[in-house]
Amino acid sequence: MKPALLAITIPLILACAPASAENAEGYWSGSIANALKVSVHFAKSNDNVWEATITVPSQNLVARVDQVMVTPERISFKMAKLKASYAATWDPAQQAWIGSWMQGGVMPLNLTRSSAAALQPKRPQEDAIGSSAPTYASTDVRFGSLAGTLTVPRGAGPFPAVVLVHGSGAIDRDGTVFNHQPYLVLADHLSRRGIAVLRYDKRGVGKSGGDLKAATTLDLAADAEAAVALLRSRADIDQRHVGVIGHSEGGLIAPLIASRDGKLAFAVLLAAPGIRGDRLLVEQLALTSKARGATDAVVARDRALHQALFATMVAEPTAQAARAKVAVLLDQAEQRGDIPAGAATALLERFGTPWFHTLMRYDPVPVLQALRQPVLVLNGERDLQVPADLDLSAIRLALRGNDRAVVKQLPGLNHLFQTAATGSPAEYSEIEETFAPAALEVISTWITATVR
C-alpha cells in the first residue's frame, strides 16, 4: 500500500489527532507507511478543548484538524471529506502513539515527541542573508493595490533593475514555498551585484489587495506591467535597463509583457513553458505521478483522463462552458473508479476555474516568436513540472530568429533550481539549498553583460 501522497489533481489534506497519557501538548512527528513525513502540533484552546495542526512538508501543507477524540490511552479522529481516519494507542515502552492511517487502505503511522526546533528545516542561504550586512537598501513600496519590496544597491545610480514575476499559486514577494524563499535569495544575489530588484506579493496575497481566485494569467501580466511602471518612475533606476525575470507561470508572463513593450531591456525565463498548457500539464502530471511511485498502468489511465479533460477545455471558448463539460467527464470518471469516490467535486473546483481554462488554452510560441529583446532561458535538467527536453526544444525553435537569445539546460537542477537527486516535488522541502549558486551566477552574469 502506497502512502497517500499529493495527488496529481488534488492537494491531499491529511488529518490526525494524537493525545498523550502524559501530556499531548507540543510537537509530534512520524511517517505514513514510512514514506510521507508529517508533524503535528497539539495545544488546548482557551475552552480547554484539544486542537491540532498538521504539517506535511512535501505537500506544502499546513492545516488545522478537527473531530479530535482523546482518552488517556487512545486517540482517534475522522475527516469525512477525505474518507480518512486515524486511531492510535499509547505505548509507554516506545514512548509513542502506535497507530494506523486509514484512507483507501490501512497504513502505519506512529507519532513520537519532537520539538519546534527539531522540525524547523535548515535553510542556509536564507540564514546567511539574515546574518550578513546588506550592500543595498531595502524599501517597502506600493503600486496600485499591490505591495512589494524594492532592493537598490548602495552607491551612485541609476541602476539596472528587474521585476520578479511569480509562478502559479498564492505566492508572496519572497516566493515562499516548501519553507524556501527563492525570490528573496535571488533578489539578494542580484542586488549585491549592482542590480535593483522589485519583488511583490501576488494580488490577494500578503499585503497586496485584489482577488487571486478571480485572476487569470493575463490579469497577472497586468500586475507585472504595473511593477515595471513603478521602476520607470524612479530616479535611482536606469530607464534604459529595466527587465523582467519570470519563473514557471511567470515564464509565460515575462515574454508576454516584453512582446508588448519594446522598451523593456531584457527578459529572463526560468522553467518557462514552451508548449501549450494542456500538453504541458498532461506531461507534468504523468512525470510527477511516476516519481511518486505510481505504476505504469495508473499513469496511463490518468494520462488518458487528463488528455480528455484538457482537450475539452481547449475546445470550449468560455470557462463556464468548459466547467460544465468537465463536470460531466469527472462524474463519469468517478463512476468508473478512475478517481476516488467523492473526488469529482474537489477536482472540478481546481480544473473548473477561469485561471485553469486560460492556462490550458495559452500557447507561448507566438509570443516568443515576437521577442526582439535579449532573452535568457534556463531550465533544470531534472525539472518534472516543466520538462527541460520538451520545453527547451520548443523555445529554441520559437526563438531561432532572435540572435540575442540564450537557451541553457542546467545539469542536476529541479523546477525550483535546487540541486536535486530526482527532481520529484517530494524532494523540494527536504533539500536545504533554496537556489543553486551556479544558477544564480548564470543569471547575474548574463544580466550584467547584457546591460553593458
Protein backbone atom coordinates (compact mmCIF):
# COMPACT_ATOMS: atom_id res chain seq x y z
CA MET A 1 0.00 0.00 0.00
CA LYS A 2 1.44 3.33 -1.06
CA PRO A 3 1.18 6.27 1.38
CA ALA A 4 -1.37 8.91 0.46
CA LEU A 5 0.84 11.40 -1.35
CA LEU A 6 -0.03 14.67 -3.09
CA ALA A 7 -2.40 13.67 -5.84
CA ILE A 8 -1.82 14.87 -9.37
CA THR A 9 -5.20 16.51 -9.21
CA ILE A 10 -5.84 17.50 -5.60
CA PRO A 11 -3.59 18.51 -2.74
CA LEU A 12 -4.33 15.78 -0.22
CA ILE A 13 -5.24 17.18 3.17
CA LEU A 14 -4.29 14.75 5.89
CA ALA A 15 -5.59 14.86 9.42
CA CYS A 16 -4.68 13.27 12.68
CA ALA A 17 -5.12 14.00 16.32
CA PRO A 18 -2.94 12.49 18.98
CA ALA A 19 -3.13 12.89 22.69
CA SER A 20 -0.91 11.54 25.40
CA ALA A 21 -1.47 9.65 28.61
CA GLU A 22 1.04 12.12 29.97
CA ASN A 23 0.65 15.37 28.10
CA ALA A 24 -0.19 15.68 24.44
CA GLU A 25 0.74 19.34 24.18
CA GLY A 26 3.68 20.07 21.90
CA TYR A 27 5.09 18.67 18.69
CA TRP A 28 4.92 15.10 17.40
CA SER A 29 6.25 13.60 14.18
CA GLY A 30 6.08 10.40 12.15
CA SER A 31 5.71 8.98 8.65
CA ILE A 32 2.74 7.41 6.92
CA ALA A 33 3.93 4.00 5.72
CA ASN A 34 7.49 5.15 6.47
CA ALA A 35 7.31 7.36 3.40
CA LEU A 36 5.28 10.54 3.92
CA LYS A 37 6.66 12.67 6.75
CA VAL A 38 4.16 14.54 8.91
CA SER A 39 4.34 16.59 12.07
CA VAL A 40 1.54 17.59 14.40
CA HIS A 41 1.38 20.36 16.97
CA PHE A 42 -1.13 19.92 19.79
CA ALA A 43 -2.45 22.54 22.15
CA LYS A 44 -5.51 23.22 24.24
CA SER A 45 -7.82 26.12 23.46
CA ASN A 46 -8.96 28.69 25.99
CA ASP A 47 -12.01 26.46 26.49
CA ASN A 48 -9.74 23.52 27.37
CA VAL A 49 -10.54 21.76 24.09
CA TRP A 50 -7.82 19.86 22.22
CA GLU A 51 -6.73 21.43 18.93
CA ALA A 52 -4.09 20.32 16.46
CA THR A 53 -2.29 21.50 13.34
CA ILE A 54 -0.65 19.09 10.93
CA THR A 55 2.24 19.89 8.61
CA VAL A 56 3.16 17.80 5.57
CA PRO A 57 6.32 19.45 4.17
CA SER A 58 6.47 17.53 0.89
CA GLN A 59 2.91 18.63 0.10
CA ASN A 60 3.47 22.23 1.21
CA LEU A 61 0.56 21.71 3.58
CA VAL A 62 -0.21 23.22 6.96
CA ALA A 63 -3.77 22.60 8.14
CA ARG A 64 -5.90 22.56 11.27
CA VAL A 65 -7.52 19.22 12.05
CA ASP A 66 -10.87 18.58 13.67
CA GLN A 67 -13.00 15.86 15.24
CA VAL A 68 -10.25 15.13 17.72
CA MET A 69 -11.06 12.41 20.26
CA VAL A 70 -8.74 11.86 23.24
CA THR A 71 -8.67 9.40 26.13
CA PRO A 72 -5.72 8.70 28.44
CA GLU A 73 -4.63 5.67 26.40
CA ARG A 74 -6.18 6.10 22.96
CA ILE A 75 -6.71 8.76 20.32
CA SER A 76 -8.71 8.81 17.12
CA PHE A 77 -10.19 11.19 14.57
CA LYS A 78 -12.09 11.19 11.29
CA MET A 79 -12.27 13.51 8.30
CA ALA A 80 -15.34 12.65 6.26
CA LYS A 81 -14.44 14.79 3.23
CA LEU A 82 -11.26 12.81 2.67
CA LYS A 83 -12.72 9.48 3.78
CA ALA A 84 -9.76 9.28 6.13
CA SER A 85 -9.32 8.39 9.77
CA TYR A 86 -6.58 7.77 12.31
CA ALA A 87 -6.52 5.74 15.50
CA ALA A 88 -3.63 5.02 17.85
CA THR A 89 -2.81 3.69 21.32
CA TRP A 90 -0.14 4.96 23.63
CA ASP A 91 2.85 2.61 24.07
CA PRO A 92 4.84 3.62 27.16
CA ALA A 93 7.73 1.33 26.24
CA GLN A 94 8.22 3.02 22.86
CA GLN A 95 7.06 6.42 24.15
CA ALA A 96 4.94 6.73 21.02
CA TRP A 97 1.42 6.62 19.70
CA ILE A 98 1.26 3.38 17.70
CA GLY A 99 -1.46 3.74 15.14
CA SER A 100 -2.84 3.41 11.63
CA TRP A 101 -3.75 5.92 8.98
CA MET A 102 -6.81 4.72 7.03
CA GLN A 103 -7.51 6.16 3.60
CA GLY A 104 -8.25 3.71 0.84
CA GLY A 105 -6.31 1.16 2.87
CA VAL A 106 -4.53 0.83 6.19
CA MET A 107 -1.04 2.31 6.60
CA PRO A 108 1.08 2.57 9.74
CA LEU A 109 1.59 5.98 11.32
CA ASN A 110 3.41 6.15 14.66
CA LEU A 111 3.95 9.52 16.32
CA THR A 112 6.87 10.33 18.61
CA ARG A 113 7.54 13.51 20.50
CA SER A 114 9.57 16.19 18.75
CA SER A 115 10.09 19.95 19.12
CA ALA A 116 9.66 23.10 17.09
CA ALA A 117 13.43 23.44 16.75
CA ALA A 118 13.89 19.85 15.56
CA LEU A 119 11.18 20.24 12.94
CA GLN A 120 12.46 23.57 11.65
CA PRO A 121 14.04 22.95 8.22
CA LYS A 122 17.59 24.10 7.54
CA ARG A 123 17.81 26.95 5.04
CA PRO A 124 21.45 28.09 4.95
CA GLN A 125 21.02 30.64 2.15
CA GLU A 126 18.21 32.48 3.93
CA ASP A 127 20.15 32.28 7.21
CA ALA A 128 23.19 33.84 5.54
CA ILE A 129 21.10 36.73 4.24
CA GLY A 130 19.70 37.38 7.69
CA SER A 131 23.11 37.31 9.37
CA SER A 132 25.10 39.39 6.88
CA ALA A 133 25.13 43.15 6.33
CA PRO A 134 23.36 44.02 3.07
CA THR A 135 25.11 46.10 0.44
CA TYR A 136 21.79 47.51 -0.72
CA ALA A 137 18.85 49.48 0.63
CA SER A 138 15.56 47.64 1.07
CA THR A 139 12.30 49.61 0.87
CA ASP A 140 8.64 48.62 1.09
CA VAL A 141 6.69 50.01 -1.87
CA ARG A 142 3.10 50.10 -3.11
CA PHE A 143 1.77 50.42 -6.66
CA GLY A 144 -1.97 50.36 -7.06
CA SER A 145 -3.32 47.68 -4.74
CA LEU A 146 -0.07 45.72 -4.77
CA ALA A 147 2.69 45.74 -2.15
CA GLY A 148 6.30 44.73 -2.54
CA THR A 149 9.94 45.24 -1.65
CA LEU A 150 12.48 47.15 -3.73
CA THR A 151 16.18 46.48 -3.15
CA VAL A 152 18.54 49.08 -4.62
CA PRO A 153 22.35 48.81 -4.49
CA ARG A 154 24.11 51.43 -2.41
CA GLY A 155 26.23 53.97 -4.25
CA ALA A 156 25.86 56.16 -7.27
CA GLY A 157 23.00 55.19 -9.53
CA PRO A 158 20.97 54.93 -11.57
CA PHE A 159 20.99 51.11 -11.56
CA PRO A 160 19.69 48.46 -13.94
CA ALA A 161 16.62 46.78 -12.48
CA VAL A 162 14.37 43.74 -12.75
CA VAL A 163 10.87 42.75 -11.71
CA LEU A 164 10.47 39.22 -10.36
CA VAL A 165 7.29 37.58 -11.70
CA HIS A 166 5.77 34.69 -9.73
CA GLY A 167 5.00 31.12 -10.57
CA SER A 168 1.48 29.78 -10.07
CA GLY A 169 -0.31 29.75 -6.73
CA ALA A 170 -0.65 32.13 -3.81
CA ILE A 171 2.98 33.30 -3.83
CA ASP A 172 4.32 36.18 -1.77
CA ARG A 173 7.16 38.57 -2.54
CA ASP A 174 9.80 36.14 -1.25
CA GLY A 175 8.42 33.25 -3.31
CA THR A 176 7.73 31.32 -0.11
CA VAL A 177 7.08 27.67 -0.95
CA PHE A 178 8.06 24.44 0.81
CA ASN A 179 9.72 26.56 3.53
CA HIS A 180 12.04 28.09 0.92
CA GLN A 181 12.23 31.75 -0.15
CA PRO A 182 13.80 31.63 -3.62
CA TYR A 183 12.83 35.19 -4.65
CA LEU A 184 14.47 36.58 -1.51
CA VAL A 185 17.65 34.63 -2.31
CA LEU A 186 17.61 35.76 -5.96
CA ALA A 187 16.94 39.41 -5.07
CA ASP A 188 19.74 39.42 -2.52
CA HIS A 189 22.17 37.92 -5.02
CA LEU A 190 21.31 40.36 -7.81
CA SER A 191 21.31 43.49 -5.64
CA ARG A 192 24.72 42.58 -4.24
CA ARG A 193 25.89 42.61 -7.86
CA GLY A 194 24.56 46.05 -8.70
CA ILE A 195 21.06 45.21 -9.94
CA ALA A 196 17.94 46.67 -8.33
CA VAL A 197 15.10 44.18 -7.79
CA LEU A 198 11.36 44.69 -7.28
CA ARG A 199 9.50 41.69 -5.90
CA TYR A 200 5.89 41.84 -4.76
CA ASP A 201 3.06 39.88 -3.16
CA LYS A 202 0.64 38.48 -5.71
CA ARG A 203 -2.78 40.08 -5.72
CA GLY A 204 -4.75 38.83 -2.73
CA VAL A 205 -1.59 37.55 -1.01
CA GLY A 206 0.32 39.11 1.88
CA LYS A 207 -0.13 42.86 1.88
CA SER A 208 -1.48 43.07 -1.67
CA GLY A 209 -5.15 43.69 -2.36
CA GLY A 210 -7.25 42.03 -5.01
CA ASP A 211 -8.74 38.60 -5.61
CA LEU A 212 -6.31 35.96 -6.83
CA LYS A 213 -9.04 33.35 -7.34
CA ALA A 214 -10.72 35.55 -9.94
CA ALA A 215 -7.50 36.31 -11.84
CA THR A 216 -6.11 34.65 -14.95
CA THR A 217 -2.55 34.66 -16.26
CA LEU A 218 -3.47 37.66 -18.41
CA ASP A 219 -4.63 39.60 -15.35
CA LEU A 220 -1.39 38.78 -13.56
CA ALA A 221 0.53 40.09 -16.57
CA ALA A 222 -1.11 43.48 -15.98
CA ASP A 223 0.19 43.41 -12.40
CA ALA A 224 3.72 42.75 -13.65
CA GLU A 225 3.41 45.66 -16.10
CA ALA A 226 2.40 47.90 -13.20
CA ALA A 227 5.57 46.81 -11.39
CA VAL A 228 7.66 47.75 -14.43
CA ALA A 229 5.96 51.15 -14.50
CA LEU A 230 6.92 51.72 -10.86
CA LEU A 231 10.58 51.08 -11.63
CA ARG A 232 10.46 53.51 -14.54
CA SER A 233 9.09 56.22 -12.27
CA ARG A 234 12.15 56.24 -10.01
CA ALA A 235 15.25 58.40 -10.44
CA ASP A 236 17.55 55.72 -8.96
CA ILE A 237 16.63 53.24 -11.74
CA ASP A 238 18.29 53.25 -15.18
CA GLN A 239 15.32 53.60 -17.53
CA ARG A 240 17.22 52.02 -20.42
CA HIS A 241 17.90 48.81 -18.49
CA VAL A 242 14.68 47.62 -16.88
CA GLY A 243 13.93 43.93 -17.41
CA VAL A 244 11.82 41.07 -16.05
CA ILE A 245 12.58 37.65 -14.60
CA GLY A 246 9.72 35.16 -14.64
CA HIS A 247 9.61 31.69 -13.08
CA SER A 248 7.24 28.92 -14.21
CA GLU A 249 3.92 30.71 -14.90
CA GLY A 250 5.98 33.89 -14.64
CA GLY A 251 7.94 32.45 -17.57
CA LEU A 252 4.75 32.91 -19.61
CA ILE A 253 4.10 36.40 -18.30
CA ALA A 254 7.63 37.80 -18.77
CA PRO A 255 7.76 37.25 -22.56
CA LEU A 256 4.16 38.41 -22.90
CA ILE A 257 4.87 41.83 -21.41
CA ALA A 258 8.20 42.02 -23.28
CA SER A 259 6.37 41.40 -26.57
CA ARG A 260 4.02 44.31 -25.78
CA ASP A 261 6.73 46.67 -24.51
CA GLY A 262 9.58 47.30 -26.94
CA LYS A 263 11.37 49.45 -24.36
CA LEU A 264 11.78 46.55 -21.95
CA ALA A 265 15.52 45.87 -21.97
CA PHE A 266 15.60 42.08 -21.49
CA ALA A 267 13.73 39.03 -20.19
CA VAL A 268 14.94 36.05 -18.16
CA LEU A 269 12.73 32.95 -18.33
CA LEU A 270 13.21 30.36 -15.57
CA ALA A 271 11.49 26.97 -16.06
CA ALA A 272 9.24 28.62 -18.64
CA PRO A 273 6.65 26.59 -20.56
CA GLY A 274 7.39 26.29 -24.27
CA ILE A 275 4.26 24.40 -25.30
CA ARG A 276 0.53 24.93 -24.88
CA GLY A 277 -0.80 24.45 -21.35
CA ASP A 278 -2.90 21.34 -21.99
CA ARG A 279 0.06 19.42 -23.43
CA LEU A 280 2.40 20.60 -20.70
CA LEU A 281 0.15 19.64 -17.81
CA VAL A 282 -0.51 16.16 -19.16
CA GLU A 283 3.25 15.51 -19.17
CA GLN A 284 3.80 17.21 -15.81
CA LEU A 285 1.16 15.12 -14.09
CA ALA A 286 2.43 11.88 -15.63
CA LEU A 287 6.05 12.55 -14.62
CA THR A 288 5.27 13.61 -11.06
CA SER A 289 2.89 10.67 -10.61
CA LYS A 290 5.60 8.28 -11.79
CA ALA A 291 8.09 9.90 -9.42
CA ARG A 292 5.72 9.19 -6.53
CA GLY A 293 5.76 5.50 -7.38
CA ALA A 294 2.60 5.10 -9.45
CA THR A 295 2.52 2.05 -11.70
CA ASP A 296 2.68 2.34 -15.47
CA ALA A 297 -0.97 1.27 -15.65
CA VAL A 298 -2.10 4.02 -13.27
CA VAL A 299 -0.01 6.63 -15.09
CA ALA A 300 -1.52 5.57 -18.44
CA ARG A 301 -5.07 5.63 -17.04
CA ASP A 302 -4.60 9.10 -15.55
CA ARG A 303 -2.94 10.37 -18.72
CA ALA A 304 -5.98 9.36 -20.77
CA LEU A 305 -8.31 11.11 -18.31
CA HIS A 306 -6.26 14.32 -18.28
CA GLN A 307 -5.99 14.40 -22.06
CA ALA A 308 -9.78 14.17 -22.31
CA LEU A 309 -10.36 16.82 -19.65
CA PHE A 310 -7.87 19.31 -21.03
CA ALA A 311 -8.87 18.80 -24.67
CA THR A 312 -12.42 19.67 -23.61
CA MET A 313 -11.18 22.89 -22.02
CA VAL A 314 -9.22 23.89 -25.10
CA ALA A 315 -12.23 23.28 -27.32
CA GLU A 316 -14.57 25.47 -25.27
CA PRO A 317 -14.19 29.24 -25.74
CA THR A 318 -15.56 30.14 -22.29
CA ALA A 319 -14.58 28.96 -18.82
CA GLN A 320 -18.25 28.46 -17.91
CA ALA A 321 -18.90 26.10 -20.82
CA ALA A 322 -15.66 24.23 -20.15
CA ARG A 323 -16.58 23.77 -16.48
CA ALA A 324 -19.94 22.24 -17.36
CA LYS A 325 -18.40 19.67 -19.70
CA VAL A 326 -15.53 18.88 -17.36
CA ALA A 327 -18.05 18.22 -14.57
CA VAL A 328 -19.68 15.52 -16.70
CA LEU A 329 -16.32 13.87 -17.51
CA LEU A 330 -15.27 13.88 -13.86
CA ASP A 331 -18.56 12.33 -12.74
CA GLN A 332 -18.12 9.58 -15.32
CA ALA A 333 -14.51 9.00 -14.19
CA GLU A 334 -15.70 8.67 -10.59
CA GLN A 335 -18.38 6.18 -11.58
CA ARG A 336 -15.75 4.11 -13.46
CA GLY A 337 -13.47 4.14 -10.43
CA ASP A 338 -10.72 6.09 -12.24
CA ILE A 339 -10.72 8.65 -9.43
CA PRO A 340 -11.62 8.13 -5.76
CA ALA A 341 -15.23 8.37 -4.65
CA GLY A 342 -16.07 11.99 -3.86
CA ALA A 343 -13.04 13.37 -5.75
CA ALA A 344 -15.02 14.78 -8.71
CA THR A 345 -16.27 17.77 -6.74
CA ALA A 346 -12.82 18.70 -5.48
CA LEU A 347 -11.26 18.26 -8.92
CA LEU A 348 -13.91 20.44 -10.50
CA GLU A 349 -13.00 23.23 -8.10
CA ARG A 350 -9.43 23.05 -9.32
CA PHE A 351 -9.96 22.45 -13.03
CA GLY A 352 -13.15 24.45 -13.48
CA THR A 353 -11.71 27.93 -12.89
CA PRO A 354 -11.11 30.78 -15.35
CA TRP A 355 -7.38 30.66 -14.46
CA PHE A 356 -7.10 26.99 -15.35
CA HIS A 357 -9.14 27.39 -18.53
CA THR A 358 -6.88 30.23 -19.68
CA LEU A 359 -3.73 28.29 -18.86
CA MET A 360 -4.86 25.21 -20.83
CA ARG A 361 -5.51 27.31 -23.94
CA TYR A 362 -2.42 29.52 -23.72
CA ASP A 363 0.24 28.89 -26.39
CA PRO A 364 3.54 30.66 -25.63
CA VAL A 365 5.06 30.14 -29.08
CA PRO A 366 3.63 33.19 -30.93
CA VAL A 367 4.69 35.46 -28.07
CA LEU A 368 8.21 34.02 -28.00
CA GLN A 369 8.48 34.48 -31.77
CA ALA A 370 7.67 38.18 -31.37
CA LEU A 371 10.50 38.90 -28.93
CA ARG A 372 13.34 41.10 -30.14
CA GLN A 373 14.99 41.88 -26.79
CA PRO A 374 17.83 39.85 -25.33
CA VAL A 375 16.38 36.73 -23.71
CA LEU A 376 17.94 34.25 -21.30
CA VAL A 377 16.09 30.94 -20.95
CA LEU A 378 17.12 28.48 -18.23
CA ASN A 379 15.66 25.15 -17.28
CA GLY A 380 16.80 22.47 -14.84
CA GLU A 381 17.76 19.10 -16.25
CA ARG A 382 15.65 17.34 -13.59
CA ASP A 383 12.58 19.56 -13.81
CA LEU A 384 9.50 17.31 -13.79
CA GLN A 385 6.97 20.15 -13.80
CA VAL A 386 8.27 21.90 -16.92
CA PRO A 387 10.37 19.16 -18.52
CA ALA A 388 13.54 20.60 -20.00
CA ASP A 389 13.78 18.38 -23.10
CA LEU A 390 10.19 19.03 -24.11
CA ASP A 391 10.00 22.75 -23.39
CA LEU A 392 13.50 23.95 -24.27
CA SER A 393 13.33 22.37 -27.72
CA ALA A 394 10.10 24.27 -28.41
CA ILE A 395 11.54 27.51 -27.03
CA ARG A 396 14.73 27.20 -29.10
CA LEU A 397 12.64 26.78 -32.21
CA ALA A 398 10.42 29.76 -31.35
CA LEU A 399 13.45 32.00 -30.65
CA ARG A 400 15.51 30.93 -33.65
CA GLY A 401 15.01 34.36 -35.25
CA ASN A 402 16.35 36.20 -32.20
CA ASP A 403 20.14 36.32 -32.31
CA ARG A 404 20.21 37.76 -28.78
CA ALA A 405 18.51 34.73 -27.21
CA VAL A 406 20.46 32.31 -24.99
CA VAL A 407 18.87 28.98 -24.05
CA LYS A 408 20.53 26.69 -21.50
CA GLN A 409 19.75 23.48 -19.65
CA LEU A 410 21.39 23.44 -16.23
CA PRO A 411 22.55 19.99 -15.06
CA GLY A 412 21.20 18.43 -11.88
CA LEU A 413 18.59 21.11 -11.08
CA ASN A 414 14.87 20.75 -10.46
CA HIS A 415 11.91 23.05 -11.12
CA LEU A 416 12.90 25.34 -8.23
CA PHE A 417 16.53 25.43 -9.43
CA GLN A 418 17.72 23.35 -6.48
CA THR A 419 20.40 20.70 -6.84
CA ALA A 420 18.23 17.56 -6.78
CA ALA A 421 18.56 13.80 -6.87
CA THR A 422 15.44 13.02 -8.90
CA GLY A 423 13.54 16.29 -9.45
CA SER A 424 10.43 14.97 -7.72
CA PRO A 425 8.36 17.65 -5.95
CA ALA A 426 8.55 15.45 -2.85
CA GLU A 427 12.21 16.50 -2.57
CA TYR A 428 11.62 20.26 -2.56
CA SER A 429 11.15 20.65 1.18
CA GLU A 430 13.86 18.12 2.06
CA ILE A 431 16.60 19.89 0.10
CA GLU A 432 18.39 22.50 2.20
CA GLU A 433 19.54 24.53 -0.80
CA THR A 434 16.99 27.12 -1.91
CA PHE A 435 18.56 28.29 -5.18
CA ALA A 436 21.64 26.70 -6.72
CA PRO A 437 24.57 29.17 -6.60
CA ALA A 438 25.60 28.13 -10.11
CA ALA A 439 22.18 29.18 -11.45
CA LEU A 440 22.36 32.49 -9.58
CA GLU A 441 25.73 33.21 -11.19
CA VAL A 442 24.46 32.42 -14.68
CA ILE A 443 21.57 34.86 -14.22
CA SER A 444 23.56 37.73 -12.72
CA THR A 445 26.47 37.35 -15.16
CA TRP A 446 24.16 37.39 -18.18
CA ILE A 447 22.20 40.43 -16.97
CA THR A 448 25.38 42.34 -16.17
CA ALA A 449 26.80 41.62 -19.61
CA THR A 450 23.50 42.49 -21.31
CA VAL A 451 23.05 45.88 -19.67
CA ARG A 452 26.61 46.82 -20.60
